[in-house]
Amino acid sequence: MAGKSIVQLDINEESLKELYLMEVQKCLKQLEMDTMLMDSKQLCKELNFSWPTIEKLFLSDPNFPKIRGGKKWIFNRKEVQEYINDWSMGIRARGGYIAL
């Protein structure tokens, strides 16, 4: 048995490449989620609302976590997530309907 291999390993390079790319995408998504601040475009994407809807629903609320830097709005990602969690629980408690 000396010099003989007991285990044979076949690697499908295309499958390996696909798995690698999926893992890279997961890592990139996590990096994006770990970013502390978002701009208005990122907030729209995160909440799946248009900017006019976000202005109407949230920007007028003094408790919504927002910072104005010149003409640009920035948002703390974790604070927005906490706010939206509380907001959505309140909406569900009132029947789950948003009047726009």
PDB file of N, CA and C in Angstrom:
ATOM      1  N   MET A   1       0.813  -1.198   0.000  1.00  0.00           N
ATOM      2  CA  MET A   1       0.000   0.000   0.000  1.00  0.00           C
ATOM      3  C   MET A   1       0.848   1.250   0.000  1.00  0.00           C
ATOM      4  N   ALA A   2       2.112   1.081   0.198  1.00  0.00           N
ATOM      5  CA  ALA A   2       2.984   2.246   0.204  1.00  0.00           C
ATOM      6  C   ALA A   2       2.971   2.889  -1.172  1.00  0.00           C
ATOM      7  N   GLY A   3       2.752   4.199  -1.191  1.00  0.00           N
ATOM      8  CA  GLY A   3       2.769   4.928  -2.438  1.00  0.00           C
ATOM      9  C   GLY A   3       1.432   4.939  -3.170  1.00  0.00           C
ATOM     10  N   LYS A   4       0.438   4.178  -2.701  1.00  0.00           N
ATOM     11  CA  LYS A   4      -0.876   4.169  -3.332  1.00  0.00           C
ATOM     12  C   LYS A   4      -1.801   5.139  -2.623  1.00  0.00           C
ATOM     13  N   SER A   5      -2.602   5.838  -3.405  1.00  0.00           N
ATOM     14  CA  SER A   5      -3.565   6.778  -2.850  1.00  0.00           C
ATOM     15  C   SER A   5      -4.885   6.067  -2.604  1.00  0.00           C
ATOM     16  N   ILE A   6      -5.406   6.209  -1.398  1.00  0.00           N
ATOM     17  CA  ILE A   6      -6.677   5.585  -1.052  1.00  0.00           C
ATOM     18  C   ILE A   6      -7.838   6.492  -1.448  1.00  0.00           C
ATOM     19  N   VAL A   7      -7.630   7.784  -1.355  1.00  0.00           N
ATOM     20  CA  VAL A   7      -8.691   8.747  -1.630  1.00  0.00           C
ATOM     21  C   VAL A   7      -8.423   9.389  -2.983  1.00  0.00           C
ATOM     22  N   GLN A   8      -9.476   9.436  -3.802  1.00  0.00           N
ATOM     23  CA  GLN A   8      -9.376  10.109  -5.088  1.00  0.00           C
ATOM     24  C   GLN A   8     -10.308  11.308  -5.048  1.00  0.00           C
ATOM     25  N   LEU A   9      -9.819  12.437  -5.488  1.00  0.00           N
ATOM     26  CA  LEU A   9     -10.586  13.673  -5.429  1.00  0.00           C
ATOM     27  C   LEU A   9     -10.724  14.251  -6.827  1.00  0.00           C
ATOM     28  N   ASP A  10     -11.960  14.388  -7.286  1.00  0.00           N
ATOM     29  CA  ASP A  10     -12.247  15.027  -8.565  1.00  0.00           C
ATOM     30  C   ASP A  10     -12.904  16.362  -8.276  1.00  0.00           C
ATOM     31  N   ILE A  11     -12.413  17.401  -8.917  1.00  0.00           N
ATOM     32  CA  ILE A  11     -12.947  18.742  -8.696  1.00  0.00           C
ATOM     33  C   ILE A  11     -13.550  19.253  -9.996  1.00  0.00           C
ATOM     34  N   ASN A  12     -14.809  19.649  -9.903  1.00  0.00           N
ATOM     35  CA  ASN A  12     -15.477  20.284 -11.031  1.00  0.00           C
ATOM     36  C   ASN A  12     -15.186  21.772 -10.927  1.00  0.00           C
ATOM     37  N   GLU A  13     -14.318  22.252 -11.799  1.00  0.00           N
ATOM     38  CA  GLU A  13     -13.866  23.645 -11.699  1.00  0.00           C
ATOM     39  C   GLU A  13     -14.996  24.643 -11.880  1.00  0.00           C
ATOM     40  N   GLU A  14     -15.950  24.339 -12.727  1.00  0.00           N
ATOM     41  CA  GLU A  14     -17.071  25.261 -12.952  1.00  0.00           C
ATOM     42  C   GLU A  14     -17.927  25.383 -11.685  1.00  0.00           C
ATOM     43  N   SER A  15     -18.191  24.266 -11.021  1.00  0.00           N
ATOM     44  CA  SER A  15     -18.963  24.293  -9.768  1.00  0.00           C
ATOM     45  C   SER A  15     -18.186  25.017  -8.677  1.00  0.00           C
ATOM     46  N   LEU A  16     -16.893  24.789  -8.627  1.00  0.00           N
ATOM     47  CA  LEU A  16     -16.055  25.460  -7.641  1.00  0.00           C
ATOM     48  C   LEU A  16     -16.057  26.966  -7.864  1.00  0.00           C
ATOM     49  N   LYS A  17     -15.982  27.378  -9.120  1.00  0.00           N
ATOM     50  CA  LYS A  17     -16.017  28.813  -9.458  1.00  0.00           C
ATOM     51  C   LYS A  17     -17.358  29.426  -9.043  1.00  0.00           C
ATOM     52  N   GLU A  18     -18.443  28.709  -9.304  1.00  0.00           N
ATOM     53  CA  GLU A  18     -19.768  29.199  -8.936  1.00  0.00           C
ATOM     54  C   GLU A  18     -19.898  29.362  -7.417  1.00  0.00           C
ATOM     55  N   LEU A  19     -19.436  28.386  -6.667  1.00  0.00           N
ATOM     56  CA  LEU A  19     -19.467  28.472  -5.201  1.00  0.00           C
ATOM     57  C   LEU A  19     -18.629  29.640  -4.698  1.00  0.00           C
ATOM     58  N   TYR A  20     -17.466  29.814  -5.293  1.00  0.00           N
ATOM     59  CA  TYR A  20     -16.576  30.911  -4.916  1.00  0.00           C
ATOM     60  C   TYR A  20     -17.251  32.256  -5.153  1.00  0.00           C
ATOM     61  N   LEU A  21     -17.870  32.430  -6.319  1.00  0.00           N
ATOM     62  CA  LEU A  21     -18.539  33.694  -6.631  1.00  0.00           C
ATOM     63  C   LEU A  21     -19.721  33.950  -5.705  1.00  0.00           C
ATOM     64  N   MET A  22     -20.440  32.895  -5.337  1.00  0.00           N
ATOM     65  CA  MET A  22     -21.549  33.059  -4.390  1.00  0.00           C
ATOM     66  C   MET A  22     -21.036  33.536  -3.037  1.00  0.00           C
ATOM     67  N   GLU A  23     -19.939  32.984  -2.579  1.00  0.00           N
ATOM     68  CA  GLU A  23     -19.365  33.387  -1.296  1.00  0.00           C
ATOM     69  C   GLU A  23     -18.843  34.824  -1.348  1.00  0.00           C
ATOM     70  N   VAL A  24     -18.244  35.203  -2.461  1.00  0.00           N
ATOM     71  CA  VAL A  24     -17.765  36.577  -2.618  1.00  0.00           C
ATOM     72  C   VAL A  24     -18.950  37.542  -2.559  1.00  0.00           C
ATOM     73  N   GLN A  25     -20.064  37.205  -3.230  1.00  0.00           N
ATOM     74  CA  GLN A  25     -21.257  38.045  -3.195  1.00  0.00           C
ATOM     75  C   GLN A  25     -21.805  38.178  -1.780  1.00  0.00           C
ATOM     76  N   LYS A  26     -21.812  37.085  -1.022  1.00  0.00           N
ATOM     77  CA  LYS A  26     -22.260  37.141   0.376  1.00  0.00           C
ATOM     78  C   LYS A  26     -21.382  38.086   1.187  1.00  0.00           C
ATOM     79  N   CYS A  27     -20.072  37.989   0.984  1.00  0.00           N
ATOM     80  CA  CYS A  27     -19.135  38.853   1.716  1.00  0.00           C
ATOM     81  C   CYS A  27     -19.341  40.315   1.348  1.00  0.00           C
ATOM     82  N   LEU A  28     -19.551  40.602   0.060  1.00  0.00           N
ATOM     83  CA  LEU A  28     -19.788  41.978  -0.368  1.00  0.00           C
ATOM     84  C   LEU A  28     -21.086  42.524   0.216  1.00  0.00           C
ATOM     85  N   LYS A  29     -22.106  41.704   0.238  1.00  0.00           N
ATOM     86  CA  LYS A  29     -23.389  42.114   0.828  1.00  0.00           C
ATOM     87  C   LYS A  29     -23.218  42.414   2.317  1.00  0.00           C
ATOM     88  N   GLN A  30     -22.462  41.574   3.010  1.00  0.00           N
ATOM     89  CA  GLN A  30     -22.227  41.785   4.432  1.00  0.00           C
ATOM     90  C   GLN A  30     -21.431  43.067   4.661  1.00  0.00           C
ATOM     91  N   LEU A  31     -20.435  43.324   3.830  1.00  0.00           N
ATOM     92  CA  LEU A  31     -19.669  44.570   3.952  1.00  0.00           C
ATOM     93  C   LEU A  31     -20.568  45.776   3.767  1.00  0.00           C
ATOM     94  N   GLU A  32     -21.461  45.696   2.797  1.00  0.00           N
ATOM     95  CA  GLU A  32     -22.399  46.788   2.565  1.00  0.00           C
ATOM     96  C   GLU A  32     -23.295  46.987   3.780  1.00  0.00           C
ATOM     97  N   MET A  33     -23.758  45.878   4.371  1.00  0.00           N
ATOM     98  CA  MET A  33     -24.628  45.966   5.542  1.00  0.00           C
ATOM     99  C   MET A  33     -23.885  46.479   6.769  1.00  0.00           C
ATOM    100  N   ASP A  34     -22.581  46.236   6.831  1.00  0.00           N
ATOM    101  CA  ASP A  34     -21.797  46.684   7.975  1.00  0.00           C
ATOM    102  C   ASP A  34     -21.414  48.150   7.892  1.00  0.00           C
ATOM    103  N   THR A  35     -21.604  48.760   6.729  1.00  0.00           N
ATOM    104  CA  THR A  35     -21.298  50.176   6.587  1.00  0.00           C
ATOM    105  C   THR A  35     -22.208  50.960   7.514  1.00  0.00           C
ATOM    106  N   MET A  36     -21.628  51.854   8.257  1.00  0.00           N
ATOM    107  CA  MET A  36     -22.391  52.561   9.280  1.00  0.00           C
ATOM    108  C   MET A  36     -23.409  53.538   8.688  1.00  0.00           C
ATOM    109  N   LEU A  37     -23.016  54.291   7.677  1.00  0.00           N
ATOM    110  CA  LEU A  37     -23.892  55.335   7.148  1.00  0.00           C
ATOM    111  C   LEU A  37     -24.395  55.001   5.754  1.00  0.00           C
ATOM    112  N   MET A  38     -25.607  55.460   5.464  1.00  0.00           N
ATOM    113  CA  MET A  38     -26.213  55.300   4.144  1.00  0.00           C
ATOM    114  C   MET A  38     -26.563  56.680   3.608  1.00  0.00           C
ATOM    115  N   ASP A  39     -26.580  56.805   2.290  1.00  0.00           N
ATOM    116  CA  ASP A  39     -27.115  58.027   1.693  1.00  0.00           C
ATOM    117  C   ASP A  39     -28.577  57.765   1.323  1.00  0.00           C
ATOM    118  N   SER A  40     -29.223  58.748   0.717  1.00  0.00           N
ATOM    119  CA  SER A  40     -30.650  58.622   0.421  1.00  0.00           C
ATOM    120  C   SER A  40     -30.940  57.498  -0.575  1.00  0.00           C
ATOM    121  N   LYS A  41     -30.064  57.291  -1.555  1.00  0.00           N
ATOM    122  CA  LYS A  41     -30.273  56.203  -2.523  1.00  0.00           C
ATOM    123  C   LYS A  41     -30.189  54.844  -1.840  1.00  0.00           C
ATOM    124  N   GLN A  42     -29.228  54.691  -0.951  1.00  0.00           N
ATOM    125  CA  GLN A  42     -29.100  53.430  -0.219  1.00  0.00           C
ATOM    126  C   GLN A  42     -30.299  53.204   0.686  1.00  0.00           C
ATOM    127  N   LEU A  43     -30.791  54.277   1.304  1.00  0.00           N
ATOM    128  CA  LEU A  43     -31.968  54.160   2.167  1.00  0.00           C
ATOM    129  C   LEU A  43     -33.183  53.716   1.359  1.00  0.00           C
ATOM    130  N   CYS A  44     -33.367  54.307   0.179  1.00  0.00           N
ATOM    131  CA  CYS A  44     -34.482  53.899  -0.688  1.00  0.00           C
ATOM    132  C   CYS A  44     -34.390  52.419  -1.024  1.00  0.00           C
ATOM    133  N   LYS A  45     -33.208  51.979  -1.359  1.00  0.00           N
ATOM    134  CA  LYS A  45     -33.008  50.569  -1.700  1.00  0.00           C
ATOM    135  C   LYS A  45     -33.266  49.688  -0.482  1.00  0.00           C
ATOM    136  N   GLU A  46     -32.747  50.098   0.663  1.00  0.00           N
ATOM    137  CA  GLU A  46     -32.886  49.317   1.902  1.00  0.00           C
ATOM    138  C   GLU A  46     -34.351  49.166   2.305  1.00  0.00           C
ATOM    139  N   LEU A  47     -35.114  50.254   2.194  1.00  0.00           N
ATOM    140  CA  LEU A  47     -36.506  50.247   2.642  1.00  0.00           C
ATOM    141  C   LEU A  47     -37.490  49.880   1.541  1.00  0.00           C
ATOM    142  N   ASN A  48     -37.013  49.848   0.306  1.00  0.00           N
ATOM    143  CA  ASN A  48     -37.858  49.539  -0.843  1.00  0.00           C
ATOM    144  C   ASN A  48     -39.000  50.552  -0.979  1.00  0.00           C
ATOM    145  N   PHE A  49     -38.683  51.828  -0.732  1.00  0.00           N
ATOM    146  CA  PHE A  49     -39.607  52.941  -0.908  1.00  0.00           C
ATOM    147  C   PHE A  49     -38.954  53.972  -1.816  1.00  0.00           C
ATOM    148  N   SER A  50     -39.776  54.744  -2.505  1.00  0.00           N
ATOM    149  CA  SER A  50     -39.250  55.864  -3.292  1.00  0.00           C
ATOM    150  C   SER A  50     -38.853  56.989  -2.338  1.00  0.00           C
ATOM    151  N   TRP A  51     -38.015  57.909  -2.827  1.00  0.00           N
ATOM    152  CA  TRP A  51     -37.589  59.024  -1.992  1.00  0.00           C
ATOM    153  C   TRP A  51     -38.783  59.884  -1.545  1.00  0.00           C
ATOM    154  N   PRO A  52     -39.751  60.226  -2.428  1.00  0.00           N
ATOM    155  CA  PRO A  52     -40.909  61.002  -1.956  1.00  0.00           C
ATOM    156  C   PRO A  52     -41.687  60.298  -0.839  1.00  0.00           C
ATOM    157  N   THR A  53     -41.783  58.977  -0.903  1.00  0.00           N
ATOM    158  CA  THR A  53     -42.480  58.227   0.152  1.00  0.00           C
ATOM    159  C   THR A  53     -41.697  58.286   1.453  1.00  0.00           C
ATOM    160  N   ILE A  54     -40.387  58.161   1.374  1.00  0.00           N
ATOM    161  CA  ILE A  54     -39.549  58.263   2.580  1.00  0.00           C
ATOM    162  C   ILE A  54     -39.670  59.651   3.191  1.00  0.00           C
ATOM    163  N   GLU A  55     -39.667  60.675   2.337  1.00  0.00           N
ATOM    164  CA  GLU A  55     -39.834  62.048   2.856  1.00  0.00           C
ATOM    165  C   GLU A  55     -41.165  62.181   3.585  1.00  0.00           C
ATOM    166  N   LYS A  56     -42.211  61.651   2.997  1.00  0.00           N
ATOM    167  CA  LYS A  56     -43.551  61.773   3.580  1.00  0.00           C
ATOM    168  C   LYS A  56     -43.697  60.970   4.873  1.00  0.00           C
ATOM    169  N   LEU A  57     -43.193  59.731   4.860  1.00  0.00           N
ATOM    170  CA  LEU A  57     -43.383  58.866   6.011  1.00  0.00           C
ATOM    171  C   LEU A  57     -42.424  59.140   7.168  1.00  0.00           C
ATOM    172  N   PHE A  58     -41.166  59.489   6.854  1.00  0.00           N
ATOM    173  CA  PHE A  58     -40.144  59.470   7.889  1.00  0.00           C
ATOM    174  C   PHE A  58     -39.427  60.787   8.154  1.00  0.00           C
ATOM    175  N   LEU A  59     -39.099  61.551   7.122  1.00  0.00           N
ATOM    176  CA  LEU A  59     -38.256  62.722   7.351  1.00  0.00           C
ATOM    177  C   LEU A  59     -38.919  63.793   8.210  1.00  0.00           C
ATOM    178  N   SER A  60     -40.239  63.826   8.213  1.00  0.00           N
ATOM    179  CA  SER A  60     -40.931  64.808   9.053  1.00  0.00           C
ATOM    180  C   SER A  60     -40.965  64.387  10.523  1.00  0.00           C
ATOM    181  N   ASP A  61     -40.660  63.123  10.789  1.00  0.00           N
ATOM    182  CA  ASP A  61     -40.654  62.617  12.163  1.00  0.00           C
ATOM    183  C   ASP A  61     -39.335  62.998  12.839  1.00  0.00           C
ATOM    184  N   PRO A  62     -39.389  63.791  13.930  1.00  0.00           N
ATOM    185  CA  PRO A  62     -38.142  64.197  14.602  1.00  0.00           C
ATOM    186  C   PRO A  62     -37.379  63.022  15.214  1.00  0.00           C
ATOM    187  N   ASN A  63     -38.036  61.877  15.396  1.00  0.00           N
ATOM    188  CA  ASN A  63     -37.372  60.704  15.965  1.00  0.00           C
ATOM    189  C   ASN A  63     -36.668  59.844  14.913  1.00  0.00           C
ATOM    190  N   PHE A  64     -36.922  60.127  13.644  1.00  0.00           N
ATOM    191  CA  PHE A  64     -36.266  59.346  12.598  1.00  0.00           C
ATOM    192  C   PHE A  64     -34.782  59.717  12.563  1.00  0.00           C
ATOM    193  N   PRO A  65     -33.891  58.726  12.577  1.00  0.00           N
ATOM    194  CA  PRO A  65     -32.443  58.996  12.663  1.00  0.00           C
ATOM    195  C   PRO A  65     -31.875  59.523  11.349  1.00  0.00           C
ATOM    196  N   LYS A  66     -31.773  60.829  11.253  1.00  0.00           N
ATOM    197  CA  LYS A  66     -31.299  61.474  10.034  1.00  0.00           C
ATOM    198  C   LYS A  66     -30.301  62.564  10.375  1.00  0.00           C
ATOM    199  N   ILE A  67     -29.393  62.793   9.446  1.00  0.00           N
ATOM    200  CA  ILE A  67     -28.401  63.869   9.595  1.00  0.00           C
ATOM    201  C   ILE A  67     -28.358  64.607   8.263  1.00  0.00           C
ATOM    202  N   ARG A  68     -28.401  65.911   8.326  1.00  0.00           N
ATOM    203  CA  ARG A  68     -28.322  66.712   7.103  1.00  0.00           C
ATOM    204  C   ARG A  68     -26.931  67.303   7.019  1.00  0.00           C
ATOM    205  N   GLY A  69     -26.232  66.997   5.930  1.00  0.00           N
ATOM    206  CA  GLY A  69     -24.914  67.560   5.678  1.00  0.00           C
ATOM    207  C   GLY A  69     -24.978  68.372   4.414  1.00  0.00           C
ATOM    208  N   GLY A  70     -25.186  69.689   4.538  1.00  0.00           N
ATOM    209  CA  GLY A  70     -25.385  70.518   3.347  1.00  0.00           C
ATOM    210  C   GLY A  70     -26.703  70.153   2.700  1.00  0.00           C
ATOM    211  N   LYS A  71     -26.645  69.739   1.447  1.00  0.00           N
ATOM    212  CA  LYS A  71     -27.858  69.327   0.738  1.00  0.00           C
ATOM    213  C   LYS A  71     -28.092  67.820   0.821  1.00  0.00           C
ATOM    214  N   LYS A  72     -27.179  67.119   1.451  1.00  0.00           N
ATOM    215  CA  LYS A  72     -27.231  65.665   1.460  1.00  0.00           C
ATOM    216  C   LYS A  72     -27.734  65.137   2.803  1.00  0.00           C
ATOM    217  N   TRP A  73     -28.610  64.146   2.735  1.00  0.00           N
ATOM    218  CA  TRP A  73     -29.063  63.435   3.917  1.00  0.00           C
ATOM    219  C   TRP A  73     -28.210  62.192   4.091  1.00  0.00           C
ATOM    220  N   ILE A  74     -27.849  61.880   5.329  1.00  0.00           N
ATOM    221  CA  ILE A  74     -27.179  60.622   5.645  1.00  0.00           C
ATOM    222  C   ILE A  74     -27.901  59.982   6.823  1.00  0.00           C
ATOM    223  N   PHE A  75     -27.805  58.655   6.888  1.00  0.00           N
ATOM    224  CA  PHE A  75     -28.583  57.898   7.855  1.00  0.00           C
ATOM    225  C   PHE A  75     -27.717  56.818   8.472  1.00  0.00           C
ATOM    226  N   ASN A  76     -27.810  56.682   9.787  1.00  0.00           N
ATOM    227  CA  ASN A  76     -27.104  55.611  10.486  1.00  0.00           C
ATOM    228  C   ASN A  76     -27.893  54.321  10.268  1.00  0.00           C
ATOM    229  N   ARG A  77     -27.242  53.350   9.636  1.00  0.00           N
ATOM    230  CA  ARG A  77     -27.912  52.116   9.227  1.00  0.00           C
ATOM    231  C   ARG A  77     -28.567  51.387  10.407  1.00  0.00           C
ATOM    232  N   LYS A  78     -27.840  51.216  11.492  1.00  0.00           N
ATOM    233  CA  LYS A  78     -28.378  50.460  12.634  1.00  0.00           C
ATOM    234  C   LYS A  78     -29.530  51.201  13.298  1.00  0.00           C
ATOM    235  N   GLU A  79     -29.419  52.524  13.405  1.00  0.00           N
ATOM    236  CA  GLU A  79     -30.505  53.306  14.000  1.00  0.00           C
ATOM    237  C   GLU A  79     -31.751  53.262  13.120  1.00  0.00           C
ATOM    238  N   VAL A  80     -31.562  53.311  11.806  1.00  0.00           N
ATOM    239  CA  VAL A  80     -32.704  53.212  10.891  1.00  0.00           C
ATOM    240  C   VAL A  80     -33.357  51.844  11.037  1.00  0.00           C
ATOM    241  N   GLN A  81     -32.566  50.784  11.134  1.00  0.00           N
ATOM    242  CA  GLN A  81     -33.134  49.443  11.300  1.00  0.00           C
ATOM    243  C   GLN A  81     -33.961  49.344  12.574  1.00  0.00           C
ATOM    244  N   GLU A  82     -33.456  49.910  13.663  1.00  0.00           N
ATOM    245  CA  GLU A  82     -34.201  49.889  14.927  1.00  0.00           C
ATOM    246  C   GLU A  82     -35.503  50.688  14.798  1.00  0.00           C
ATOM    247  N   TYR A  83     -35.415  51.869  14.176  1.00  0.00           N
ATOM    248  CA  TYR A  83     -36.596  52.708  13.992  1.00  0.00           C
ATOM    249  C   TYR A  83     -37.647  51.980  13.152  1.00  0.00           C
ATOM    250  N   ILE A  84     -37.211  51.392  12.036  1.00  0.00           N
ATOM    251  CA  ILE A  84     -38.138  50.708  11.132  1.00  0.00           C
ATOM    252  C   ILE A  84     -38.764  49.490  11.810  1.00  0.00           C
ATOM    253  N   ASN A  85     -38.004  48.781  12.619  1.00  0.00           N
ATOM    254  CA  ASN A  85     -38.574  47.653  13.360  1.00  0.00           C
ATOM    255  C   ASN A  85     -39.710  48.127  14.264  1.00  0.00           C
ATOM    256  N   ASP A  86     -39.472  49.193  15.027  1.00  0.00           N
ATOM    257  CA  ASP A  86     -40.508  49.743  15.911  1.00  0.00           C
ATOM    258  C   ASP A  86     -41.691  50.267  15.102  1.00  0.00           C
ATOM    259  N   TRP A  87     -41.392  50.984  14.022  1.00  0.00           N
ATOM    260  CA  TRP A  87     -42.425  51.567  13.167  1.00  0.00           C
ATOM    261  C   TRP A  87     -43.307  50.478  12.571  1.00  0.00           C
ATOM    262  N   SER A  88     -42.685  49.423  12.037  1.00  0.00           N
ATOM    263  CA  SER A  88     -43.473  48.366  11.392  1.00  0.00           C
ATOM    264  C   SER A  88     -44.321  47.602  12.410  1.00  0.00           C
ATOM    265  N   MET A  89     -43.816  47.419  13.639  1.00  0.00           N
ATOM    266  CA  MET A  89     -44.625  46.764  14.671  1.00  0.00           C
ATOM    267  C   MET A  89     -45.842  47.629  15.002  1.00  0.00           C
ATOM    268  N   GLY A  90     -45.657  48.940  15.039  1.00  0.00           N
ATOM    269  CA  GLY A  90     -46.773  49.849  15.289  1.00  0.00           C
ATOM    270  C   GLY A  90     -47.788  49.817  14.164  1.00  0.00           C
ATOM    271  N   ILE A  91     -47.299  49.773  12.924  1.00  0.00           N
ATOM    272  CA  ILE A  91     -48.203  49.692  11.764  1.00  0.00           C
ATOM    273  C   ILE A  91     -49.012  48.399  11.821  1.00  0.00           C
ATOM    274  N   ARG A  92     -48.353  47.294  12.118  1.00  0.00           N
ATOM    275  CA  ARG A  92     -49.061  46.003  12.198  1.00  0.00           C
ATOM    276  C   ARG A  92     -50.084  46.016  13.328  1.00  0.00           C
ATOM    277  N   ALA A  93     -49.746  46.653  14.441  1.00  0.00           N
ATOM    278  CA  ALA A  93     -50.673  46.714  15.580  1.00  0.00           C
ATOM    279  C   ALA A  93     -51.928  47.521  15.231  1.00  0.00           C
ATOM    280  N   ARG A  94     -51.800  48.441  14.261  1.00  0.00           N
ATOM    281  CA  ARG A  94     -52.942  49.250  13.831  1.00  0.00           C
ATOM    282  C   ARG A  94     -53.589  48.709  12.563  1.00  0.00           C
ATOM    283  N   GLY A  95     -53.359  47.446  12.258  1.00  0.00           N
ATOM    284  CA  GLY A  95     -54.033  46.822  11.126  1.00  0.00           C
ATOM    285  C   GLY A  95     -53.165  46.600   9.895  1.00  0.00           C
ATOM    286  N   GLY A  96     -51.939  47.116   9.892  1.00  0.00           N
ATOM    287  CA  GLY A  96     -51.012  46.847   8.804  1.00  0.00           C
ATOM    288  C   GLY A  96     -51.201  47.696   7.567  1.00  0.00           C
ATOM    289  N   TYR A  97     -51.869  48.829   7.687  1.00  0.00           N
ATOM    290  CA  TYR A  97     -52.120  49.678   6.529  1.00  0.00           C
ATOM    291  C   TYR A  97     -51.383  51.008   6.675  1.00  0.00           C
ATOM    292  N   ILE A  98     -50.722  51.454   5.596  1.00  0.00           N
ATOM    293  CA  ILE A  98     -50.033  52.755   5.587  1.00  0.00           C
ATOM    294  C   ILE A  98     -50.828  53.678   4.680  1.00  0.00           C
ATOM    295  N   ALA A  99     -51.261  54.789   5.215  1.00  0.00           N
ATOM    296  CA  ALA A  99     -51.960  55.788   4.414  1.00  0.00           C
ATOM    297  C   ALA A  99     -50.928  56.723   3.775  1.00  0.00           C
ATOM    298  N   LEU A 100     -50.816  56.666   2.468  1.00  0.00           N
ATOM    299  CA  LEU A 100     -49.851  57.515   1.769  1.00  0.00           C
ATOM    300  C   LEU A 100     -50.501  58.700   1.134  1.00  0.00           C
TER     301      LEU A 100
END
